[in-house]
């Protein structure tokens, strides 16, 4: 006896692929501090790597580097 119909369940979210290439896509409710904490990187490094002057200006959908360029 089987279960219900087979359903394709995505195994990755919108940013999961991005994280593999060293970036993170900002989602609603994210702050630069929370992104740094969640990815175990320095808040000040995120500012530098992304050339962010005002951390309050990140927007949903923005790509944030999680490592320096070239790494």
PDB file of N, CA and C in Angstrom:
ATOM      1  N   UNK A   1       0.845  -1.158   0.000  1.00  0.00           N
ATOM      2  CA  UNK A   1       0.000   0.000   0.000  1.00  0.00           C
ATOM      3  C   UNK A   1       0.895   1.226   0.000  1.00  0.00           C
ATOM      4  N   UNK A   2       0.605   2.113  -0.885  1.00  0.00           N
ATOM      5  CA  UNK A   2       1.468   3.268  -1.031  1.00  0.00           C
ATOM      6  C   UNK A   2       0.944   4.468  -0.281  1.00  0.00           C
ATOM      7  N   UNK A   3       1.772   5.466  -0.230  1.00  0.00           N
ATOM      8  CA  UNK A   3       1.367   6.728   0.362  1.00  0.00           C
ATOM      9  C   UNK A   3       0.642   7.559  -0.674  1.00  0.00           C
ATOM     10  N   UNK A   4       0.713   8.818  -0.529  1.00  0.00           N
ATOM     11  CA  UNK A   4       0.081   9.732  -1.478  1.00  0.00           C
ATOM     12  C   UNK A   4       0.906   9.828  -2.744  1.00  0.00           C
ATOM     13  N   UNK A   5       0.489  10.710  -3.621  1.00  0.00           N
ATOM     14  CA  UNK A   5       1.227  10.881  -4.873  1.00  0.00           C
ATOM     15  C   UNK A   5       2.618  11.445  -4.606  1.00  0.00           C
ATOM     16  N   UNK A   6       3.536  11.099  -5.513  1.00  0.00           N
ATOM     17  CA  UNK A   6       4.885  11.653  -5.393  1.00  0.00           C
ATOM     18  C   UNK A   6       4.826  13.157  -5.611  1.00  0.00           C
ATOM     19  N   UNK A   7       5.511  13.891  -4.772  1.00  0.00           N
ATOM     20  CA  UNK A   7       5.538  15.346  -4.880  1.00  0.00           C
ATOM     21  C   UNK A   7       6.986  15.784  -4.910  1.00  0.00           C
ATOM     22  N   UNK A   8       7.336  16.606  -5.884  1.00  0.00           N
ATOM     23  CA  UNK A   8       8.686  17.158  -5.926  1.00  0.00           C
ATOM     24  C   UNK A   8       8.798  18.248  -4.886  1.00  0.00           C
ATOM     25  N   UNK A   9       9.706  18.070  -3.956  1.00  0.00           N
ATOM     26  CA  UNK A   9       9.945  19.067  -2.930  1.00  0.00           C
ATOM     27  C   UNK A   9      11.299  19.684  -3.193  1.00  0.00           C
ATOM     28  N   UNK A  10      11.351  21.016  -3.357  1.00  0.00           N
ATOM     29  CA  UNK A  10      12.652  21.635  -3.607  1.00  0.00           C
ATOM     30  C   UNK A  10      13.613  21.352  -2.465  1.00  0.00           C
ATOM     31  N   UNK A  11      14.839  21.054  -2.815  1.00  0.00           N
ATOM     32  CA  UNK A  11      15.837  20.778  -1.777  1.00  0.00           C
ATOM     33  C   UNK A  11      16.674  22.003  -1.473  1.00  0.00           C
ATOM     34  N   UNK A  12      16.489  23.042  -2.255  1.00  0.00           N
ATOM     35  CA  UNK A  12      17.239  24.262  -2.006  1.00  0.00           C
ATOM     36  C   UNK A  12      16.298  25.444  -2.046  1.00  0.00           C
ATOM     37  N   UNK A  13      16.572  26.423  -1.217  1.00  0.00           N
ATOM     38  CA  UNK A  13      15.807  27.665  -1.232  1.00  0.00           C
ATOM     39  C   UNK A  13      16.418  28.620  -2.219  1.00  0.00           C
ATOM     40  N   UNK A  14      15.877  29.818  -2.309  1.00  0.00           N
ATOM     41  CA  UNK A  14      16.390  30.763  -3.284  1.00  0.00           C
ATOM     42  C   UNK A  14      17.835  31.165  -3.055  1.00  0.00           C
ATOM     43  N   UNK A  15      18.295  31.082  -1.808  1.00  0.00           N
ATOM     44  CA  UNK A  15      19.667  31.518  -1.563  1.00  0.00           C
ATOM     45  C   UNK A  15      20.635  30.366  -1.384  1.00  0.00           C
ATOM     46  N   UNK A  16      20.122  29.138  -1.306  1.00  0.00           N
ATOM     47  CA  UNK A  16      21.021  28.020  -1.033  1.00  0.00           C
ATOM     48  C   UNK A  16      22.073  27.868  -2.121  1.00  0.00           C
ATOM     49  N   UNK A  17      21.700  28.008  -3.377  1.00  0.00           N
ATOM     50  CA  UNK A  17      22.671  27.930  -4.462  1.00  0.00           C
ATOM     51  C   UNK A  17      23.659  29.064  -4.399  1.00  0.00           C
ATOM     52  N   UNK A  18      23.178  30.214  -3.995  1.00  0.00           N
ATOM     53  CA  UNK A  18      24.056  31.371  -3.891  1.00  0.00           C
ATOM     54  C   UNK A  18      25.112  31.158  -2.817  1.00  0.00           C
ATOM     55  N   UNK A  19      24.716  30.570  -1.712  1.00  0.00           N
ATOM     56  CA  UNK A  19      25.662  30.354  -0.628  1.00  0.00           C
ATOM     57  C   UNK A  19      26.805  29.461  -1.081  1.00  0.00           C
ATOM     58  N   UNK A  20      26.538  28.539  -1.984  1.00  0.00           N
ATOM     59  CA  UNK A  20      27.585  27.661  -2.487  1.00  0.00           C
ATOM     60  C   UNK A  20      28.647  28.455  -3.243  1.00  0.00           C
ATOM     61  N   UNK A  21      28.251  29.573  -3.856  1.00  0.00           N
ATOM     62  CA  UNK A  21      29.245  30.365  -4.584  1.00  0.00           C
ATOM     63  C   UNK A  21      29.702  31.580  -3.789  1.00  0.00           C
ATOM     64  N   UNK A  22      29.456  31.575  -2.488  1.00  0.00           N
ATOM     65  CA  UNK A  22      30.001  32.615  -1.628  1.00  0.00           C
ATOM     66  C   UNK A  22      29.175  33.873  -1.502  1.00  0.00           C
ATOM     67  N   UNK A  23      27.896  33.807  -1.865  1.00  0.00           N
ATOM     68  CA  UNK A  23      27.024  34.961  -1.680  1.00  0.00           C
ATOM     69  C   UNK A  23      25.760  34.539  -0.959  1.00  0.00           C
ATOM     70  N   UNK A  24      25.052  35.509  -0.467  1.00  0.00           N
ATOM     71  CA  UNK A  24      23.787  35.281   0.220  1.00  0.00           C
ATOM     72  C   UNK A  24      22.780  36.293  -0.308  1.00  0.00           C
ATOM     73  N   UNK A  25      21.564  35.848  -0.593  1.00  0.00           N
ATOM     74  CA  UNK A  25      20.513  36.742  -1.050  1.00  0.00           C
ATOM     75  C   UNK A  25      19.693  37.201   0.154  1.00  0.00           C
ATOM     76  N   UNK A  26      19.636  38.509   0.352  1.00  0.00           N
ATOM     77  CA  UNK A  26      18.931  39.092   1.493  1.00  0.00           C
ATOM     78  C   UNK A  26      17.441  38.761   1.422  1.00  0.00           C
ATOM     79  N   UNK A  27      16.892  38.316   2.552  1.00  0.00           N
ATOM     80  CA  UNK A  27      15.466  38.011   2.676  1.00  0.00           C
ATOM     81  C   UNK A  27      14.826  39.004   3.644  1.00  0.00           C
ATOM     82  N   UNK A  28      13.510  39.089   3.605  1.00  0.00           N
ATOM     83  CA  UNK A  28      12.774  39.969   4.508  1.00  0.00           C
ATOM     84  C   UNK A  28      13.166  39.656   5.955  1.00  0.00           C
ATOM     85  N   UNK A  29      13.436  40.679   6.722  1.00  0.00           N
ATOM     86  CA  UNK A  29      13.786  40.519   8.132  1.00  0.00           C
ATOM     87  C   UNK A  29      15.276  40.385   8.388  1.00  0.00           C
ATOM     88  N   UNK A  30      16.073  40.185   7.341  1.00  0.00           N
ATOM     89  CA  UNK A  30      17.519  40.065   7.529  1.00  0.00           C
ATOM     90  C   UNK A  30      18.139  41.407   7.910  1.00  0.00           C
ATOM     91  N   UNK A  31      19.166  41.326   8.713  1.00  0.00           N
ATOM     92  CA  UNK A  31      20.028  42.482   8.976  1.00  0.00           C
ATOM     93  C   UNK A  31      21.443  42.042   8.648  1.00  0.00           C
ATOM     94  N   UNK A  32      22.312  42.978   8.423  1.00  0.00           N
ATOM     95  CA  UNK A  32      23.694  42.618   8.131  1.00  0.00           C
ATOM     96  C   UNK A  32      24.300  41.857   9.312  1.00  0.00           C
ATOM     97  N   UNK A  33      23.928  42.256  10.512  1.00  0.00           N
ATOM     98  CA  UNK A  33      24.429  41.563  11.699  1.00  0.00           C
ATOM     99  C   UNK A  33      23.954  40.112  11.729  1.00  0.00           C
ATOM    100  N   UNK A  34      22.666  39.879  11.429  1.00  0.00           N
ATOM    101  CA  UNK A  34      22.150  38.503  11.465  1.00  0.00           C
ATOM    102  C   UNK A  34      22.778  37.651  10.365  1.00  0.00           C
ATOM    103  N   UNK A  35      23.023  38.242   9.199  1.00  0.00           N
ATOM    104  CA  UNK A  35      23.670  37.512   8.109  1.00  0.00           C
ATOM    105  C   UNK A  35      25.086  37.118   8.529  1.00  0.00           C
ATOM    106  N   UNK A  36      25.815  38.042   9.127  1.00  0.00           N
ATOM    107  CA  UNK A  36      27.173  37.766   9.599  1.00  0.00           C
ATOM    108  C   UNK A  36      27.152  36.638  10.630  1.00  0.00           C
ATOM    109  N   UNK A  37      26.252  36.735  11.589  1.00  0.00           N
ATOM    110  CA  UNK A  37      26.158  35.723  12.649  1.00  0.00           C
ATOM    111  C   UNK A  37      25.795  34.357  12.067  1.00  0.00           C
ATOM    112  N   UNK A  38      24.801  34.321  11.180  1.00  0.00           N
ATOM    113  CA  UNK A  38      24.334  33.050  10.622  1.00  0.00           C
ATOM    114  C   UNK A  38      25.372  32.362   9.748  1.00  0.00           C
ATOM    115  N   UNK A  39      26.301  33.138   9.191  1.00  0.00           N
ATOM    116  CA  UNK A  39      27.298  32.568   8.279  1.00  0.00           C
ATOM    117  C   UNK A  39      28.699  32.576   8.881  1.00  0.00           C
ATOM    118  N   UNK A  40      28.762  32.880  10.182  1.00  0.00           N
ATOM    119  CA  UNK A  40      30.016  32.830  10.930  1.00  0.00           C
ATOM    120  C   UNK A  40      31.118  33.669  10.273  1.00  0.00           C
ATOM    121  N   UNK A  41      30.732  34.891   9.900  1.00  0.00           N
ATOM    122  CA  UNK A  41      31.708  35.843   9.367  1.00  0.00           C
ATOM    123  C   UNK A  41      31.612  37.134  10.161  1.00  0.00           C
ATOM    124  N   UNK A  42      32.617  37.948  10.077  1.00  0.00           N
ATOM    125  CA  UNK A  42      32.665  39.209  10.798  1.00  0.00           C
ATOM    126  C   UNK A  42      31.750  40.245  10.146  1.00  0.00           C
ATOM    127  N   UNK A  43      30.998  40.942  10.979  1.00  0.00           N
ATOM    128  CA  UNK A  43      30.127  42.030  10.521  1.00  0.00           C
ATOM    129  C   UNK A  43      30.948  43.079   9.771  1.00  0.00           C
ATOM    130  N   UNK A  44      32.105  43.435  10.317  1.00  0.00           N
ATOM    131  CA  UNK A  44      32.939  44.449   9.664  1.00  0.00           C
ATOM    132  C   UNK A  44      33.499  43.941   8.337  1.00  0.00           C
ATOM    133  N   UNK A  45      33.766  42.640   8.240  1.00  0.00           N
ATOM    134  CA  UNK A  45      34.215  42.077   6.964  1.00  0.00           C
ATOM    135  C   UNK A  45      33.104  42.173   5.917  1.00  0.00           C
ATOM    136  N   UNK A  46      31.873  41.883   6.311  1.00  0.00           N
ATOM    137  CA  UNK A  46      30.757  42.014   5.359  1.00  0.00           C
ATOM    138  C   UNK A  46      30.654  43.443   4.836  1.00  0.00           C
ATOM    139  N   UNK A  47      30.812  44.420   5.724  1.00  0.00           N
ATOM    140  CA  UNK A  47      30.783  45.816   5.298  1.00  0.00           C
ATOM    141  C   UNK A  47      31.863  46.077   4.248  1.00  0.00           C
ATOM    142  N   UNK A  48      33.071  45.593   4.527  1.00  0.00           N
ATOM    143  CA  UNK A  48      34.210  45.830   3.641  1.00  0.00           C
ATOM    144  C   UNK A  48      34.055  45.081   2.318  1.00  0.00           C
ATOM    145  N   UNK A  49      33.749  43.783   2.364  1.00  0.00           N
ATOM    146  CA  UNK A  49      33.667  42.962   1.160  1.00  0.00           C
ATOM    147  C   UNK A  49      32.563  43.422   0.215  1.00  0.00           C
ATOM    148  N   UNK A  50      31.536  44.071   0.776  1.00  0.00           N
ATOM    149  CA  UNK A  50      30.387  44.485  -0.036  1.00  0.00           C
ATOM    150  C   UNK A  50      30.344  45.988  -0.264  1.00  0.00           C
ATOM    151  N   UNK A  51      31.388  46.691   0.194  1.00  0.00           N
ATOM    152  CA  UNK A  51      31.472  48.141   0.042  1.00  0.00           C
ATOM    153  C   UNK A  51      30.178  48.815   0.507  1.00  0.00           C
ATOM    154  N   UNK A  52      29.744  48.435   1.708  1.00  0.00           N
ATOM    155  CA  UNK A  52      28.505  48.970   2.279  1.00  0.00           C
ATOM    156  C   UNK A  52      28.868  50.112   3.226  1.00  0.00           C
ATOM    157  N   UNK A  53      28.377  51.297   2.929  1.00  0.00           N
ATOM    158  CA  UNK A  53      28.629  52.468   3.759  1.00  0.00           C
ATOM    159  C   UNK A  53      27.617  52.552   4.901  1.00  0.00           C
ATOM    160  N   UNK A  54      26.349  52.229   4.610  1.00  0.00           N
ATOM    161  CA  UNK A  54      25.279  52.292   5.612  1.00  0.00           C
ATOM    162  C   UNK A  54      24.619  50.922   5.699  1.00  0.00           C
ATOM    163  N   UNK A  55      24.878  50.166   6.771  1.00  0.00           N
ATOM    164  CA  UNK A  55      24.344  48.814   6.886  1.00  0.00           C
ATOM    165  C   UNK A  55      22.818  48.758   6.928  1.00  0.00           C
ATOM    166  N   UNK A  56      22.175  49.890   7.137  1.00  0.00           N
ATOM    167  CA  UNK A  56      20.708  49.915   7.158  1.00  0.00           C
ATOM    168  C   UNK A  56      20.112  49.989   5.763  1.00  0.00           C
ATOM    169  N   UNK A  57      20.960  50.002   4.740  1.00  0.00           N
ATOM    170  CA  UNK A  57      20.452  50.152   3.377  1.00  0.00           C
ATOM    171  C   UNK A  57      20.377  48.839   2.605  1.00  0.00           C
ATOM    172  N   UNK A  58      20.608  47.688   3.255  1.00  0.00           N
ATOM    173  CA  UNK A  58      20.477  46.435   2.511  1.00  0.00           C
ATOM    174  C   UNK A  58      18.999  46.210   2.208  1.00  0.00           C
ATOM    175  N   UNK A  59      18.733  45.589   1.052  1.00  0.00           N
ATOM    176  CA  UNK A  59      17.350  45.395   0.613  1.00  0.00           C
ATOM    177  C   UNK A  59      17.120  43.936   0.225  1.00  0.00           C
ATOM    178  N   UNK A  60      15.865  43.510   0.327  1.00  0.00           N
ATOM    179  CA  UNK A  60      15.480  42.152  -0.048  1.00  0.00           C
ATOM    180  C   UNK A  60      15.902  41.904  -1.494  1.00  0.00           C
ATOM    181  N   UNK A  61      16.529  40.761  -1.736  1.00  0.00           N
ATOM    182  CA  UNK A  61      16.988  40.387  -3.060  1.00  0.00           C
ATOM    183  C   UNK A  61      18.433  40.766  -3.342  1.00  0.00           C
ATOM    184  N   UNK A  62      19.008  41.592  -2.492  1.00  0.00           N
ATOM    185  CA  UNK A  62      20.400  42.013  -2.684  1.00  0.00           C
ATOM    186  C   UNK A  62      21.336  40.836  -2.427  1.00  0.00           C
ATOM    187  N   UNK A  63      22.356  40.713  -3.252  1.00  0.00           N
ATOM    188  CA  UNK A  63      23.374  39.669  -3.063  1.00  0.00           C
ATOM    189  C   UNK A  63      24.469  40.224  -2.162  1.00  0.00           C
ATOM    190  N   UNK A  64      24.777  39.477  -1.102  1.00  0.00           N
ATOM    191  CA  UNK A  64      25.811  39.865  -0.145  1.00  0.00           C
ATOM    192  C   UNK A  64      26.951  38.855  -0.257  1.00  0.00           C
ATOM    193  N   UNK A  65      28.168  39.353  -0.453  1.00  0.00           N
ATOM    194  CA  UNK A  65      29.344  38.484  -0.477  1.00  0.00           C
ATOM    195  C   UNK A  65      29.604  37.956   0.926  1.00  0.00           C
ATOM    196  N   UNK A  66      29.931  36.669   1.023  1.00  0.00           N
ATOM    197  CA  UNK A  66      30.244  36.061   2.304  1.00  0.00           C
ATOM    198  C   UNK A  66      31.735  35.813   2.468  1.00  0.00           C
ATOM    199  N   UNK A  67      32.510  36.241   1.479  1.00  0.00           N
ATOM    200  CA  UNK A  67      33.962  36.084   1.501  1.00  0.00           C
ATOM    201  C   UNK A  67      34.546  37.198   0.628  1.00  0.00           C
ATOM    202  N   UNK A  68      35.820  37.486   0.795  1.00  0.00           N
ATOM    203  CA  UNK A  68      36.422  38.514  -0.051  1.00  0.00           C
ATOM    204  C   UNK A  68      36.411  38.078  -1.511  1.00  0.00           C
ATOM    205  N   UNK A  69      36.413  39.042  -2.397  1.00  0.00           N
ATOM    206  CA  UNK A  69      36.426  38.698  -3.819  1.00  0.00           C
ATOM    207  C   UNK A  69      37.708  37.942  -4.146  1.00  0.00           C
ATOM    208  N   UNK A  70      37.579  37.000  -5.065  1.00  0.00           N
ATOM    209  CA  UNK A  70      38.729  36.210  -5.462  1.00  0.00           C
ATOM    210  C   UNK A  70      38.969  34.995  -4.606  1.00  0.00           C
ATOM    211  N   UNK A  71      38.105  34.765  -3.601  1.00  0.00           N
ATOM    212  CA  UNK A  71      38.332  33.573  -2.766  1.00  0.00           C
ATOM    213  C   UNK A  71      37.380  32.462  -3.135  1.00  0.00           C
TER     214      UNK A  71
END
